[in-house]
Amino acid sequence: MNILSLILAGMAGAFMAIQGSFNGVLSRSIGLTRTTFIVHIIGTILITAMLLIPKFAKDGSFTMLLKAPKYTLLGGAMNVAIIYMVAASMSKLGPGKATVAIIICQTVFSFVIDQ
């Protein structure tokens, strides 16, 4: 088992809880739709900057996008829904309860996908 992969997965989980909490707070100020938009604009700026760094830019090719299964492109649309729903649930339930619900459903669906 790759220990670095486990550490990265753990960090991703921590970041998801923190991000969800931040987005929930932001959504109370500017609304869910605007929060989702702002989060994606900031993310787009960050990943664009990362693509300018050779270390991050060399791990693939946009030309291969045409060969990828078309359904995989739904990930972008799903991400909008995820950010929106996480912000909504964190805002109403709080980070603890929302994260437990997210983890339970994520675990169940992960096992279904593995089968």
Protein backbone atom coordinates (compact mmCIF):
# COMPACT_ATOMS: atom_id res chain seq x y z
CA MET A 1 0.00 0.00 0.00
CA ASN A 2 1.37 3.40 -0.95
CA ILE A 3 1.59 5.54 2.20
CA LEU A 4 1.76 8.79 0.20
CA SER A 5 -1.54 7.93 -1.49
CA LEU A 6 -3.16 7.36 1.90
CA ILE A 7 -1.80 10.66 3.19
CA LEU A 8 -3.11 12.47 0.10
CA ALA A 9 -6.52 10.82 0.50
CA GLY A 10 -6.63 11.88 4.15
CA MET A 11 -5.66 15.43 3.27
CA ALA A 12 -8.36 15.50 0.56
CA GLY A 13 -10.93 14.43 3.15
CA ALA A 14 -9.82 17.16 5.54
CA PHE A 15 -9.87 19.76 2.76
CA MET A 16 -13.36 18.64 1.71
CA ALA A 17 -14.70 19.20 5.23
CA ILE A 18 -13.00 22.59 5.50
CA GLN A 19 -14.09 23.65 2.02
CA GLY A 20 -17.67 22.57 2.67
CA SER A 21 -17.74 24.55 5.88
CA PHE A 22 -16.31 27.65 4.18
CA ASN A 23 -18.78 27.31 1.30
CA GLY A 24 -21.68 26.93 3.71
CA VAL A 25 -20.72 30.15 5.46
CA LEU A 26 -20.18 31.97 2.15
CA SER A 27 -23.56 30.76 0.86
CA ARG A 28 -25.30 32.43 3.80
CA SER A 29 -23.74 35.70 2.67
CA ILE A 30 -24.10 35.55 -1.11
CA GLY A 31 -26.39 32.56 -1.81
CA LEU A 32 -25.76 28.99 -2.97
CA THR A 33 -25.63 29.64 -6.70
CA ARG A 34 -23.21 32.54 -6.38
CA THR A 35 -21.07 30.57 -3.94
CA THR A 36 -20.86 27.69 -6.42
CA PHE A 37 -19.91 30.13 -9.17
CA ILE A 38 -17.22 31.89 -7.10
CA VAL A 39 -15.71 28.58 -5.96
CA HIS A 40 -15.42 27.41 -9.57
CA ILE A 41 -13.94 30.71 -10.78
CA ILE A 42 -11.27 30.55 -8.07
CA GLY A 43 -10.62 26.89 -8.90
CA THR A 44 -10.34 27.70 -12.61
CA ILE A 45 -7.79 30.44 -11.90
CA LEU A 46 -5.76 28.10 -9.68
CA ILE A 47 -5.70 25.16 -12.10
CA THR A 48 -4.85 27.49 -14.99
CA ALA A 49 -1.85 28.73 -13.00
CA MET A 50 -0.88 25.13 -12.20
CA LEU A 51 -0.92 24.24 -15.91
CA LEU A 52 1.74 26.93 -16.41
CA ILE A 53 4.08 25.06 -14.03
CA PRO A 54 5.94 22.37 -15.99
CA LYS A 55 5.74 19.79 -13.18
CA PHE A 56 1.93 19.86 -13.24
CA ALA A 57 1.54 20.42 -16.99
CA LYS A 58 3.39 17.26 -18.09
CA ASP A 59 1.04 14.65 -16.59
CA GLY A 60 -1.25 14.35 -19.61
CA SER A 61 -2.41 15.87 -22.86
CA PHE A 62 -5.54 17.73 -23.89
CA THR A 63 -5.29 16.02 -27.28
CA MET A 64 -6.24 12.74 -25.60
CA LEU A 65 -9.54 14.29 -24.51
CA LEU A 66 -11.16 13.13 -27.74
CA LYS A 67 -10.28 9.52 -26.88
CA ALA A 68 -11.69 9.65 -23.35
CA PRO A 69 -15.12 8.09 -22.77
CA LYS A 70 -17.73 10.84 -23.27
CA TYR A 71 -19.49 10.10 -19.97
CA THR A 72 -16.33 11.08 -18.09
CA LEU A 73 -16.92 14.68 -19.13
CA LEU A 74 -19.93 14.71 -16.81
CA GLY A 75 -17.47 15.09 -13.93
CA GLY A 76 -17.48 18.85 -14.46
CA ALA A 77 -21.26 19.09 -14.23
CA MET A 78 -21.26 16.75 -11.24
CA ASN A 79 -18.72 18.96 -9.51
CA VAL A 80 -21.07 21.93 -9.77
CA ALA A 81 -23.81 19.81 -8.17
CA ILE A 82 -21.43 18.54 -5.48
CA ILE A 83 -20.25 22.03 -4.48
CA TYR A 84 -23.84 23.28 -4.43
CA MET A 85 -25.18 20.35 -2.36
CA VAL A 86 -22.26 20.31 0.08
CA ALA A 87 -22.63 24.05 0.72
CA ALA A 88 -26.39 23.64 1.19
CA SER A 89 -26.05 20.72 3.61
CA MET A 90 -23.16 22.24 5.59
CA SER A 91 -25.08 25.49 5.93
CA LYS A 92 -28.18 23.73 7.32
CA LEU A 93 -26.72 20.74 9.20
CA GLY A 94 -23.27 21.95 10.18
CA PRO A 95 -19.97 20.38 9.11
CA GLY A 96 -20.15 17.31 11.39
CA LYS A 97 -23.57 15.95 10.44
CA ALA A 98 -23.21 16.86 6.78
CA THR A 99 -19.79 15.20 6.54
CA VAL A 100 -21.09 11.99 8.15
CA ALA A 101 -23.95 11.84 5.62
CA ILE A 102 -21.52 12.53 2.77
CA ILE A 103 -19.08 9.84 3.93
CA ILE A 104 -21.81 7.22 4.37
CA CYS A 105 -23.21 7.79 0.88
CA GLN A 106 -19.74 8.08 -0.63
CA THR A 107 -18.71 4.77 0.93
CA VAL A 108 -21.86 2.94 -0.22
CA PHE A 109 -21.54 4.22 -3.79
CA SER A 110 -17.80 3.48 -3.87
CA PHE A 111 -18.51 -0.16 -3.09
CA VAL A 112 -21.25 -0.27 -5.73
CA ILE A 113 -18.85 1.20 -8.32
CA ASP A 114 -16.16 -1.35 -7.32
CA GLN A 115 -18.52 -4.24 -8.15
